[in-house]
Amino acid sequence: MKGYIEERAVEIANYIIENNATVRQTAKQFGISKSTVHKDVTERLTQINPSLANKARVVLDLNKSERHIRGGLATKEKYLHKSRYHQPF
């Protein structure tokens, strides 16, 4: 594995842990795809630094378990916002 990929995997894991970040937020921050973030944390990092990979995995698993709640809140906000500005006269 190339050195910059190893460095990126460690940086990604640290970012996820420090910011309690989702895969999507991390991908946006680093300018890479969500699948690359996932592969870096689940596959590459386990070979480089297993303990760091486990810590990042805990955060990602927690975010995944809360995902449906965030989606529901976003949908609720969308329709609340819509109804405020699009009421019939």
N, C-alpha and C. Protein backbone atom coordinates (compact mmCIF):
# COMPACT_ATOMS: atom_id res chain seq x y z
N MET A 1 0.85 -1.18 0.00
CA MET A 1 0.00 0.00 0.00
C MET A 1 0.89 1.24 0.00
N LYS A 2 0.47 2.23 -0.75
CA LYS A 2 1.27 3.45 -0.84
C LYS A 2 1.16 4.26 0.45
N GLY A 3 2.22 5.00 0.75
CA GLY A 3 2.31 5.74 2.00
C GLY A 3 1.22 6.77 2.18
N TYR A 4 0.87 7.47 1.09
CA TYR A 4 -0.14 8.52 1.24
C TYR A 4 -1.52 7.94 1.54
N ILE A 5 -1.78 6.73 1.07
CA ILE A 5 -3.06 6.09 1.37
C ILE A 5 -3.12 5.71 2.85
N GLU A 6 -2.01 5.22 3.37
CA GLU A 6 -1.96 4.89 4.80
C GLU A 6 -2.15 6.13 5.65
N GLU A 7 -1.49 7.22 5.27
CA GLU A 7 -1.63 8.48 6.00
C GLU A 7 -3.06 8.98 5.94
N ARG A 8 -3.68 8.89 4.76
CA ARG A 8 -5.06 9.34 4.60
C ARG A 8 -5.99 8.52 5.48
N ALA A 9 -5.79 7.21 5.53
CA ALA A 9 -6.64 6.35 6.34
C ALA A 9 -6.57 6.74 7.82
N VAL A 10 -5.37 7.03 8.30
CA VAL A 10 -5.19 7.44 9.69
C VAL A 10 -5.84 8.81 9.92
N GLU A 11 -5.64 9.75 8.99
CA GLU A 11 -6.26 11.07 9.12
C GLU A 11 -7.77 10.98 9.13
N ILE A 12 -8.31 10.13 8.27
CA ILE A 12 -9.76 9.95 8.20
C ILE A 12 -10.29 9.41 9.53
N ALA A 13 -9.64 8.41 10.06
CA ALA A 13 -10.08 7.83 11.33
C ALA A 13 -10.03 8.85 12.45
N ASN A 14 -8.95 9.61 12.52
CA ASN A 14 -8.84 10.64 13.55
C ASN A 14 -9.94 11.69 13.40
N TYR A 15 -10.24 12.08 12.17
CA TYR A 15 -11.30 13.07 11.92
C TYR A 15 -12.65 12.53 12.38
N ILE A 16 -12.92 11.28 12.04
CA ILE A 16 -14.20 10.67 12.43
C ILE A 16 -14.34 10.63 13.94
N ILE A 17 -13.27 10.23 14.63
CA ILE A 17 -13.31 10.11 16.09
C ILE A 17 -13.44 11.48 16.75
N GLU A 18 -12.63 12.45 16.32
CA GLU A 18 -12.63 13.77 16.95
C GLU A 18 -13.93 14.54 16.72
N ASN A 19 -14.53 14.37 15.53
CA ASN A 19 -15.71 15.16 15.18
C ASN A 19 -17.01 14.37 15.22
N ASN A 20 -16.92 13.10 15.62
CA ASN A 20 -18.10 12.23 15.62
C ASN A 20 -18.78 12.31 14.25
N ALA A 21 -17.97 12.28 13.21
CA ALA A 21 -18.43 12.54 11.85
C ALA A 21 -19.02 11.30 11.19
N THR A 22 -19.93 11.55 10.26
CA THR A 22 -20.50 10.48 9.46
C THR A 22 -19.58 10.23 8.26
N VAL A 23 -19.85 9.15 7.56
CA VAL A 23 -19.08 8.83 6.35
C VAL A 23 -19.25 9.96 5.33
N ARG A 24 -20.47 10.45 5.20
CA ARG A 24 -20.75 11.51 4.22
C ARG A 24 -20.00 12.80 4.58
N GLN A 25 -20.03 13.19 5.84
CA GLN A 25 -19.31 14.39 6.27
C GLN A 25 -17.81 14.24 6.04
N THR A 26 -17.29 13.06 6.34
CA THR A 26 -15.86 12.81 6.17
C THR A 26 -15.47 12.85 4.70
N ALA A 27 -16.27 12.24 3.87
CA ALA A 27 -16.00 12.24 2.43
C ALA A 27 -15.96 13.67 1.88
N LYS A 28 -16.90 14.47 2.32
CA LYS A 28 -16.94 15.86 1.87
C LYS A 28 -15.71 16.63 2.35
N GLN A 29 -15.33 16.42 3.59
CA GLN A 29 -14.18 17.11 4.18
C GLN A 29 -12.89 16.78 3.44
N PHE A 30 -12.71 15.52 3.05
CA PHE A 30 -11.47 15.09 2.42
C PHE A 30 -11.54 15.09 0.90
N GLY A 31 -12.71 15.38 0.34
CA GLY A 31 -12.85 15.42 -1.11
C GLY A 31 -12.71 14.06 -1.77
N ILE A 32 -13.21 13.03 -1.09
CA ILE A 32 -13.16 11.67 -1.64
C ILE A 32 -14.57 11.07 -1.56
N SER A 33 -14.74 9.90 -2.14
CA SER A 33 -16.06 9.27 -2.15
C SER A 33 -16.36 8.59 -0.81
N LYS A 34 -17.64 8.36 -0.58
CA LYS A 34 -18.05 7.66 0.64
C LYS A 34 -17.49 6.24 0.66
N SER A 35 -17.43 5.61 -0.50
CA SER A 35 -16.91 4.24 -0.54
C SER A 35 -15.42 4.20 -0.20
N THR A 36 -14.69 5.25 -0.57
CA THR A 36 -13.27 5.32 -0.22
C THR A 36 -13.10 5.49 1.28
N VAL A 37 -13.93 6.32 1.90
CA VAL A 37 -13.88 6.49 3.36
C VAL A 37 -14.15 5.15 4.02
N HIS A 38 -15.19 4.48 3.57
CA HIS A 38 -15.55 3.20 4.16
C HIS A 38 -14.42 2.17 3.99
N LYS A 39 -13.85 2.11 2.81
CA LYS A 39 -12.77 1.14 2.56
C LYS A 39 -11.53 1.48 3.39
N ASP A 40 -11.21 2.76 3.49
CA ASP A 40 -10.06 3.16 4.30
C ASP A 40 -10.21 2.73 5.75
N VAL A 41 -11.40 2.93 6.29
CA VAL A 41 -11.61 2.63 7.72
C VAL A 41 -11.77 1.13 7.97
N THR A 42 -12.53 0.45 7.13
CA THR A 42 -12.85 -0.95 7.42
C THR A 42 -11.77 -1.92 6.95
N GLU A 43 -11.10 -1.61 5.86
CA GLU A 43 -10.12 -2.57 5.32
C GLU A 43 -8.67 -2.12 5.55
N ARG A 44 -8.34 -0.95 5.05
CA ARG A 44 -6.94 -0.52 5.08
C ARG A 44 -6.45 -0.23 6.49
N LEU A 45 -7.27 0.46 7.26
CA LEU A 45 -6.84 0.87 8.59
C LEU A 45 -6.70 -0.32 9.54
N THR A 46 -7.48 -1.36 9.33
CA THR A 46 -7.35 -2.54 10.19
C THR A 46 -5.99 -3.19 10.05
N GLN A 47 -5.36 -3.03 8.90
CA GLN A 47 -4.01 -3.57 8.70
C GLN A 47 -2.95 -2.64 9.28
N ILE A 48 -3.22 -1.34 9.24
CA ILE A 48 -2.24 -0.34 9.68
C ILE A 48 -2.27 -0.16 11.19
N ASN A 49 -3.47 0.10 11.72
CA ASN A 49 -3.63 0.41 13.14
C ASN A 49 -4.99 -0.13 13.62
N PRO A 50 -5.04 -1.39 14.02
CA PRO A 50 -6.32 -2.01 14.39
C PRO A 50 -7.07 -1.30 15.52
N SER A 51 -6.37 -0.79 16.51
CA SER A 51 -7.07 -0.13 17.63
C SER A 51 -7.73 1.17 17.17
N LEU A 52 -7.05 1.93 16.31
CA LEU A 52 -7.65 3.15 15.77
C LEU A 52 -8.83 2.81 14.88
N ALA A 53 -8.70 1.73 14.11
CA ALA A 53 -9.80 1.29 13.25
C ALA A 53 -11.03 0.92 14.08
N ASN A 54 -10.82 0.27 15.21
CA ASN A 54 -11.95 -0.10 16.08
C ASN A 54 -12.63 1.12 16.66
N LYS A 55 -11.85 2.13 17.07
CA LYS A 55 -12.43 3.36 17.61
C LYS A 55 -13.27 4.07 16.56
N ALA A 56 -12.75 4.16 15.34
CA ALA A 56 -13.49 4.81 14.26
C ALA A 56 -14.74 4.01 13.92
N ARG A 57 -14.60 2.71 13.96
CA ARG A 57 -15.74 1.83 13.63
C ARG A 57 -16.88 2.01 14.65
N VAL A 58 -16.54 2.21 15.91
CA VAL A 58 -17.56 2.44 16.94
C VAL A 58 -18.37 3.69 16.61
N VAL A 59 -17.67 4.76 16.22
CA VAL A 59 -18.36 6.02 15.87
C VAL A 59 -19.23 5.81 14.64
N LEU A 60 -18.70 5.14 13.62
CA LEU A 60 -19.47 4.92 12.40
C LEU A 60 -20.68 4.03 12.65
N ASP A 61 -20.53 3.02 13.49
CA ASP A 61 -21.67 2.15 13.82
C ASP A 61 -22.74 2.91 14.57
N LEU A 62 -22.34 3.79 15.48
CA LEU A 62 -23.30 4.61 16.21
C LEU A 62 -24.05 5.53 15.24
N ASN A 63 -23.30 6.17 14.35
CA ASN A 63 -23.94 7.05 13.36
C ASN A 63 -24.89 6.28 12.47
N LYS A 64 -24.51 5.07 12.11
CA LYS A 64 -25.37 4.25 11.26
C LYS A 64 -26.66 3.88 11.99
N SER A 65 -26.55 3.59 13.27
CA SER A 65 -27.74 3.23 14.04
C SER A 65 -28.68 4.42 14.24
N GLU A 66 -28.14 5.64 14.18
CA GLU A 66 -28.96 6.84 14.35
C GLU A 66 -29.42 7.44 13.02
N ARG A 67 -28.99 6.85 11.93
CA ARG A 67 -29.24 7.42 10.60
C ARG A 67 -30.73 7.61 10.33
N HIS A 68 -31.55 6.64 10.67
CA HIS A 68 -32.98 6.74 10.38
C HIS A 68 -33.62 7.90 11.16
N ILE A 69 -33.10 8.21 12.33
CA ILE A 69 -33.63 9.32 13.12
C ILE A 69 -33.30 10.65 12.45
N ARG A 70 -32.03 10.81 12.02
CA ARG A 70 -31.64 12.04 11.33
C ARG A 70 -32.43 12.24 10.05
N GLY A 71 -32.67 11.14 9.33
CA GLY A 71 -33.45 11.23 8.09
C GLY A 71 -34.87 11.68 8.36
N GLY A 72 -35.46 11.15 9.41
CA GLY A 72 -36.82 11.55 9.77
C GLY A 72 -36.90 13.00 10.18
N LEU A 73 -35.92 13.47 10.93
CA LEU A 73 -35.89 14.88 11.35
C LEU A 73 -35.70 15.79 10.15
N ALA A 74 -34.87 15.38 9.19
CA ALA A 74 -34.65 16.19 8.00
C ALA A 74 -35.94 16.28 7.17
N THR A 75 -36.66 15.18 7.07
CA THR A 75 -37.92 15.19 6.33
C THR A 75 -38.95 16.06 7.04
N LYS A 76 -39.01 15.96 8.35
CA LYS A 76 -39.94 16.79 9.12
C LYS A 76 -39.64 18.26 8.91
N GLU A 77 -38.37 18.62 8.99
CA GLU A 77 -37.96 20.01 8.79
C GLU A 77 -38.29 20.49 7.38
N LYS A 78 -38.11 19.63 6.43
CA LYS A 78 -38.40 19.98 5.03
C LYS A 78 -39.87 20.36 4.88
N TYR A 79 -40.75 19.55 5.44
CA TYR A 79 -42.17 19.83 5.28
C TYR A 79 -42.64 20.97 6.16
N LEU A 80 -42.02 21.18 7.31
CA LEU A 80 -42.35 22.35 8.13
C LEU A 80 -41.95 23.62 7.39
N HIS A 81 -40.79 23.60 6.80
CA HIS A 81 -40.29 24.74 6.04
C HIS A 81 -41.18 25.01 4.83
N LYS A 82 -41.58 23.97 4.15
CA LYS A 82 -42.42 24.09 2.97
C LYS A 82 -43.78 24.70 3.33
N SER A 83 -44.36 24.23 4.41
CA SER A 83 -45.70 24.68 4.77
C SER A 83 -45.72 26.15 5.20
N ARG A 84 -44.61 26.65 5.73
CA ARG A 84 -44.56 28.05 6.14
C ARG A 84 -44.62 29.01 4.96
N TYR A 85 -44.02 28.60 3.86
CA TYR A 85 -43.89 29.51 2.73
C TYR A 85 -44.85 29.21 1.58
N HIS A 86 -45.55 28.11 1.66
CA HIS A 86 -46.42 27.73 0.55
C HIS A 86 -47.85 27.48 1.01
N GLN A 87 -48.33 28.35 1.88
CA GLN A 87 -49.69 28.20 2.33
C GLN A 87 -50.64 28.83 1.32
N PRO A 88 -51.77 28.17 1.07
CA PRO A 88 -52.73 28.74 0.10
C PRO A 88 -53.38 30.00 0.66
N PHE A 89 -53.74 30.88 -0.22
CA PHE A 89 -54.37 32.16 0.19
C PHE A 89 -55.85 32.05 0.21
